[in-house]
Amino acid sequence: MTRLTHLDESGAARMVDVSGKDVTVREAVATGRIRMAAEALAAMREGGLKKGDALAVARIAGIMAAKKTSDLIPLCHPLAISRVAVDFAFEADAIAATATVSTEGRTGVEMEALIAASVALLTLYDMGKAIDKAMVIESVRLVSKTGGKSGDFAL
């Protein structure tokens, strides 16, 4: 059975010691989507929200969130992130968000990418809730990661 890395031998929570790991280039990509009513989707596409350009605000929110991951998730290491990109794609009934995070370090940036995508989607919800309070955030997941001892991963 695989051991959970954030638990010690007695089952207590711990921060993983990464001091002996090699510094490698690491990248992670996470995605998710927010389904919404046609009226909200049109307003976001056209920039017609009272709060402003939803995609621009959500992009900045996702970038800021990636940089704050260790403040939000217990036991995450603070990292010197090299790059964060948050991109959006319009779908028939949703907006998909994709976050890409890179660093050179001793631990990966999967959590940073997941946080960036999640906060970008939450920001879209906040920007559009006056039009559609029933929006649904779904399918937030890691798509790929490279670098590190555990190797590459891709869906």
C-alpha atoms as a PDB file:
ATOM      1  CA  MET A   1       0.000   0.000   0.000  1.00  0.00           C
ATOM      2  CA  THR A   2       1.255   3.500  -0.849  1.00  0.00           C
ATOM      3  CA  ARG A   3       2.019   5.636   2.183  1.00  0.00           C
ATOM      4  CA  LEU A   4       0.541   9.128   2.443  1.00  0.00           C
ATOM      5  CA  THR A   5       3.483  11.534   2.404  1.00  0.00           C
ATOM      6  CA  HIS A   6       1.928  14.142   4.717  1.00  0.00           C
ATOM      7  CA  LEU A   7       1.529  11.694   7.616  1.00  0.00           C
ATOM      8  CA  ASP A   8       4.350  10.462   9.824  1.00  0.00           C
ATOM      9  CA  GLU A   9       4.689   6.904  11.169  1.00  0.00           C
ATOM     10  CA  SER A  10       2.185   7.613  13.964  1.00  0.00           C
ATOM     11  CA  GLY A  11      -0.367   9.200  11.620  1.00  0.00           C
ATOM     12  CA  ALA A  12       0.322  12.821  12.618  1.00  0.00           C
ATOM     13  CA  ALA A  13       0.280  15.524   9.934  1.00  0.00           C
ATOM     14  CA  ARG A  14       3.676  16.756   8.796  1.00  0.00           C
ATOM     15  CA  MET A  15       5.259  18.888   6.126  1.00  0.00           C
ATOM     16  CA  VAL A  16       7.302  16.721   3.775  1.00  0.00           C
ATOM     17  CA  ASP A  17      11.058  17.308   3.998  1.00  0.00           C
ATOM     18  CA  VAL A  18      12.190  18.171   0.471  1.00  0.00           C
ATOM     19  CA  SER A  19      15.708  19.307   1.405  1.00  0.00           C
ATOM     20  CA  GLY A  20      17.325  16.212  -0.122  1.00  0.00           C
ATOM     21  CA  LYS A  21      15.433  16.358  -3.411  1.00  0.00           C
ATOM     22  CA  ASP A  22      17.015  17.572  -6.624  1.00  0.00           C
ATOM     23  CA  VAL A  23      16.020  20.934  -8.037  1.00  0.00           C
ATOM     24  CA  THR A  24      14.266  20.281 -11.351  1.00  0.00           C
ATOM     25  CA  VAL A  25      12.072  22.212 -13.756  1.00  0.00           C
ATOM     26  CA  ARG A  26       8.481  21.447 -12.845  1.00  0.00           C
ATOM     27  CA  GLU A  27       5.209  22.349 -14.530  1.00  0.00           C
ATOM     28  CA  ALA A  28       1.592  21.528 -13.781  1.00  0.00           C
ATOM     29  CA  VAL A  29      -1.594  22.159 -15.721  1.00  0.00           C
ATOM     30  CA  ALA A  30      -5.045  22.132 -14.127  1.00  0.00           C
ATOM     31  CA  THR A  31      -8.440  22.797 -15.606  1.00  0.00           C
ATOM     32  CA  GLY A  32     -12.066  23.201 -14.630  1.00  0.00           C
ATOM     33  CA  ARG A  33     -15.247  24.747 -15.936  1.00  0.00           C
ATOM     34  CA  ILE A  34     -18.188  26.815 -14.832  1.00  0.00           C
ATOM     35  CA  ARG A  35     -21.591  26.118 -16.358  1.00  0.00           C
ATOM     36  CA  MET A  36     -24.024  29.012 -16.532  1.00  0.00           C
ATOM     37  CA  ALA A  37     -27.191  30.348 -18.117  1.00  0.00           C
ATOM     38  CA  ALA A  38     -26.970  31.669 -21.655  1.00  0.00           C
ATOM     39  CA  GLU A  39     -27.542  35.244 -20.456  1.00  0.00           C
ATOM     40  CA  ALA A  40     -24.576  35.119 -18.077  1.00  0.00           C
ATOM     41  CA  LEU A  41     -22.374  33.466 -20.686  1.00  0.00           C
ATOM     42  CA  ALA A  42     -23.236  36.154 -23.239  1.00  0.00           C
ATOM     43  CA  ALA A  43     -22.545  38.948 -20.740  1.00  0.00           C
ATOM     44  CA  MET A  44     -19.126  37.468 -19.924  1.00  0.00           C
ATOM     45  CA  ARG A  45     -18.306  36.950 -23.592  1.00  0.00           C
ATOM     46  CA  GLU A  46     -19.292  40.513 -24.486  1.00  0.00           C
ATOM     47  CA  GLY A  47     -17.819  42.152 -21.380  1.00  0.00           C
ATOM     48  CA  GLY A  48     -21.255  43.385 -20.375  1.00  0.00           C
ATOM     49  CA  LEU A  49     -21.063  42.901 -16.609  1.00  0.00           C
ATOM     50  CA  LYS A  50     -21.473  45.828 -14.215  1.00  0.00           C
ATOM     51  CA  LYS A  51     -18.367  44.679 -12.321  1.00  0.00           C
ATOM     52  CA  GLY A  52     -16.196  44.879 -15.455  1.00  0.00           C
ATOM     53  CA  ASP A  53     -14.238  42.428 -17.607  1.00  0.00           C
ATOM     54  CA  ALA A  54     -14.837  39.101 -15.877  1.00  0.00           C
ATOM     55  CA  LEU A  55     -12.103  37.202 -17.700  1.00  0.00           C
ATOM     56  CA  ALA A  56      -9.429  39.822 -16.979  1.00  0.00           C
ATOM     57  CA  VAL A  57     -10.334  39.935 -13.286  1.00  0.00           C
ATOM     58  CA  ALA A  58     -10.501  36.117 -13.050  1.00  0.00           C
ATOM     59  CA  ARG A  59      -7.108  35.769 -14.768  1.00  0.00           C
ATOM     60  CA  ILE A  60      -5.475  38.103 -12.236  1.00  0.00           C
ATOM     61  CA  ALA A  61      -7.260  36.352  -9.353  1.00  0.00           C
ATOM     62  CA  GLY A  62      -5.969  32.960 -10.519  1.00  0.00           C
ATOM     63  CA  ILE A  63      -2.411  34.244 -10.814  1.00  0.00           C
ATOM     64  CA  MET A  64      -2.554  35.843  -7.367  1.00  0.00           C
ATOM     65  CA  ALA A  65      -4.030  32.670  -5.862  1.00  0.00           C
ATOM     66  CA  ALA A  66      -1.250  30.474  -7.259  1.00  0.00           C
ATOM     67  CA  LYS A  67       1.277  32.704  -5.502  1.00  0.00           C
ATOM     68  CA  LYS A  68      -0.626  32.314  -2.192  1.00  0.00           C
ATOM     69  CA  THR A  69      -1.141  28.537  -2.258  1.00  0.00           C
ATOM     70  CA  SER A  70       1.046  27.831   0.765  1.00  0.00           C
ATOM     71  CA  ASP A  71      -1.075  30.319   2.752  1.00  0.00           C
ATOM     72  CA  LEU A  72      -4.269  28.476   1.797  1.00  0.00           C
ATOM     73  CA  ILE A  73      -3.346  24.784   1.871  1.00  0.00           C
ATOM     74  CA  PRO A  74      -1.795  23.473   5.088  1.00  0.00           C
ATOM     75  CA  LEU A  75       1.570  21.736   4.657  1.00  0.00           C
ATOM     76  CA  CYS A  76       2.233  23.154   1.163  1.00  0.00           C
ATOM     77  CA  HIS A  77       5.718  24.547   0.682  1.00  0.00           C
ATOM     78  CA  PRO A  78       6.042  28.211  -0.301  1.00  0.00           C
ATOM     79  CA  LEU A  79       7.523  28.218  -3.794  1.00  0.00           C
ATOM     80  CA  ALA A  80       9.296  30.672  -6.059  1.00  0.00           C
ATOM     81  CA  ILE A  81       6.968  30.372  -9.027  1.00  0.00           C
ATOM     82  CA  SER A  82       8.520  31.149 -12.417  1.00  0.00           C
ATOM     83  CA  ARG A  83       5.300  31.413 -14.431  1.00  0.00           C
ATOM     84  CA  VAL A  84       1.543  31.339 -14.021  1.00  0.00           C
ATOM     85  CA  ALA A  85      -0.814  31.511 -16.987  1.00  0.00           C
ATOM     86  CA  VAL A  86      -4.596  31.351 -16.755  1.00  0.00           C
ATOM     87  CA  ASP A  87      -6.510  30.922 -20.011  1.00  0.00           C
ATOM     88  CA  PHE A  88     -10.206  30.671 -20.787  1.00  0.00           C
ATOM     89  CA  ALA A  89     -12.255  28.975 -23.495  1.00  0.00           C
ATOM     90  CA  PHE A  90     -15.945  29.523 -24.161  1.00  0.00           C
ATOM     91  CA  GLU A  91     -18.036  26.380 -24.541  1.00  0.00           C
ATOM     92  CA  ALA A  92     -21.713  26.005 -25.446  1.00  0.00           C
ATOM     93  CA  ASP A  93     -22.913  26.433 -21.852  1.00  0.00           C
ATOM     94  CA  ALA A  94     -19.729  27.108 -19.894  1.00  0.00           C
ATOM     95  CA  ILE A  95     -16.345  28.716 -19.610  1.00  0.00           C
ATOM     96  CA  ALA A  96     -13.334  26.454 -19.154  1.00  0.00           C
ATOM     97  CA  ALA A  97     -10.323  27.717 -17.222  1.00  0.00           C
ATOM     98  CA  THR A  98      -6.843  26.274 -17.669  1.00  0.00           C
ATOM     99  CA  ALA A  99      -3.993  27.192 -15.337  1.00  0.00           C
ATOM    100  CA  THR A 100      -0.339  26.439 -16.075  1.00  0.00           C
ATOM    101  CA  VAL A 101       2.278  26.914 -13.354  1.00  0.00           C
ATOM    102  CA  SER A 102       6.064  26.468 -13.639  1.00  0.00           C
ATOM    103  CA  THR A 103       9.014  26.586 -11.266  1.00  0.00           C
ATOM    104  CA  GLU A 104      12.510  25.279 -10.723  1.00  0.00           C
ATOM    105  CA  GLY A 105      12.408  23.639  -7.343  1.00  0.00           C
ATOM    106  CA  ARG A 106      12.393  20.617  -5.064  1.00  0.00           C
ATOM    107  CA  THR A 107       8.636  20.096  -5.059  1.00  0.00           C
ATOM    108  CA  GLY A 108       5.902  20.292  -7.661  1.00  0.00           C
ATOM    109  CA  VAL A 109       3.352  22.959  -8.505  1.00  0.00           C
ATOM    110  CA  GLU A 110       0.236  20.794  -8.823  1.00  0.00           C
ATOM    111  CA  MET A 111      -1.516  22.510  -5.926  1.00  0.00           C
ATOM    112  CA  GLU A 112      -0.652  25.939  -7.322  1.00  0.00           C
ATOM    113  CA  ALA A 113      -2.213  25.044 -10.677  1.00  0.00           C
ATOM    114  CA  LEU A 114      -5.334  23.599  -9.011  1.00  0.00           C
ATOM    115  CA  ILE A 115      -5.715  26.684  -6.797  1.00  0.00           C
ATOM    116  CA  ALA A 116      -5.242  29.028  -9.770  1.00  0.00           C
ATOM    117  CA  ALA A 117      -7.938  27.279 -11.827  1.00  0.00           C
ATOM    118  CA  SER A 118     -10.325  27.079  -8.858  1.00  0.00           C
ATOM    119  CA  VAL A 119      -9.988  30.724  -7.850  1.00  0.00           C
ATOM    120  CA  ALA A 120     -10.320  31.877 -11.464  1.00  0.00           C
ATOM    121  CA  LEU A 121     -13.612  29.946 -11.685  1.00  0.00           C
ATOM    122  CA  LEU A 122     -14.793  31.266  -8.314  1.00  0.00           C
ATOM    123  CA  THR A 123     -14.059  34.786  -9.533  1.00  0.00           C
ATOM    124  CA  LEU A 124     -16.168  34.200 -12.638  1.00  0.00           C
ATOM    125  CA  TYR A 125     -18.962  33.099 -10.323  1.00  0.00           C
ATOM    126  CA  ASP A 126     -18.577  36.264  -8.254  1.00  0.00           C
ATOM    127  CA  MET A 127     -18.536  38.455 -11.363  1.00  0.00           C
ATOM    128  CA  GLY A 128     -21.675  36.857 -12.846  1.00  0.00           C
ATOM    129  CA  LYS A 129     -23.800  35.943  -9.820  1.00  0.00           C
ATOM    130  CA  ALA A 130     -26.074  38.948 -10.312  1.00  0.00           C
ATOM    131  CA  ILE A 131     -27.262  37.308 -13.538  1.00  0.00           C
ATOM    132  CA  ASP A 132     -27.068  33.613 -12.586  1.00  0.00           C
ATOM    133  CA  LYS A 133     -26.761  32.388  -9.008  1.00  0.00           C
ATOM    134  CA  ALA A 134     -27.140  28.754 -10.143  1.00  0.00           C
ATOM    135  CA  MET A 135     -23.774  28.551 -11.926  1.00  0.00           C
ATOM    136  CA  VAL A 136     -21.957  25.267 -11.314  1.00  0.00           C
ATOM    137  CA  ILE A 137     -18.194  24.900 -10.945  1.00  0.00           C
ATOM    138  CA  GLU A 138     -17.154  21.399 -11.951  1.00  0.00           C
ATOM    139  CA  SER A 139     -14.431  19.071 -13.149  1.00  0.00           C
ATOM    140  CA  VAL A 140     -11.514  20.842 -11.480  1.00  0.00           C
ATOM    141  CA  ARG A 141      -8.608  18.465 -11.943  1.00  0.00           C
ATOM    142  CA  LEU A 142      -4.933  18.074 -12.652  1.00  0.00           C
ATOM    143  CA  VAL A 143      -4.374  17.528 -16.378  1.00  0.00           C
ATOM    144  CA  SER A 144      -0.614  17.067 -16.375  1.00  0.00           C
ATOM    145  CA  LYS A 145       2.586  17.547 -14.439  1.00  0.00           C
ATOM    146  CA  THR A 146       6.238  17.229 -15.333  1.00  0.00           C
ATOM    147  CA  GLY A 147       9.446  17.035 -13.346  1.00  0.00           C
ATOM    148  CA  GLY A 148      10.392  15.561 -10.035  1.00  0.00           C
ATOM    149  CA  LYS A 149      11.069  12.112  -8.626  1.00  0.00           C
ATOM    150  CA  SER A 150       7.585  10.726  -9.350  1.00  0.00           C
ATOM    151  CA  GLY A 151       7.960  11.557 -13.042  1.00  0.00           C
ATOM    152  CA  ASP A 152       5.457  12.890 -15.520  1.00  0.00           C
ATOM    153  CA  PHE A 153       1.683  12.536 -15.366  1.00  0.00           C
ATOM    154  CA  ALA A 154      -0.946  13.246 -18.006  1.00  0.00           C
ATOM    155  CA  LEU A 155      -4.617  12.414 -18.263  1.00  0.00           C
END
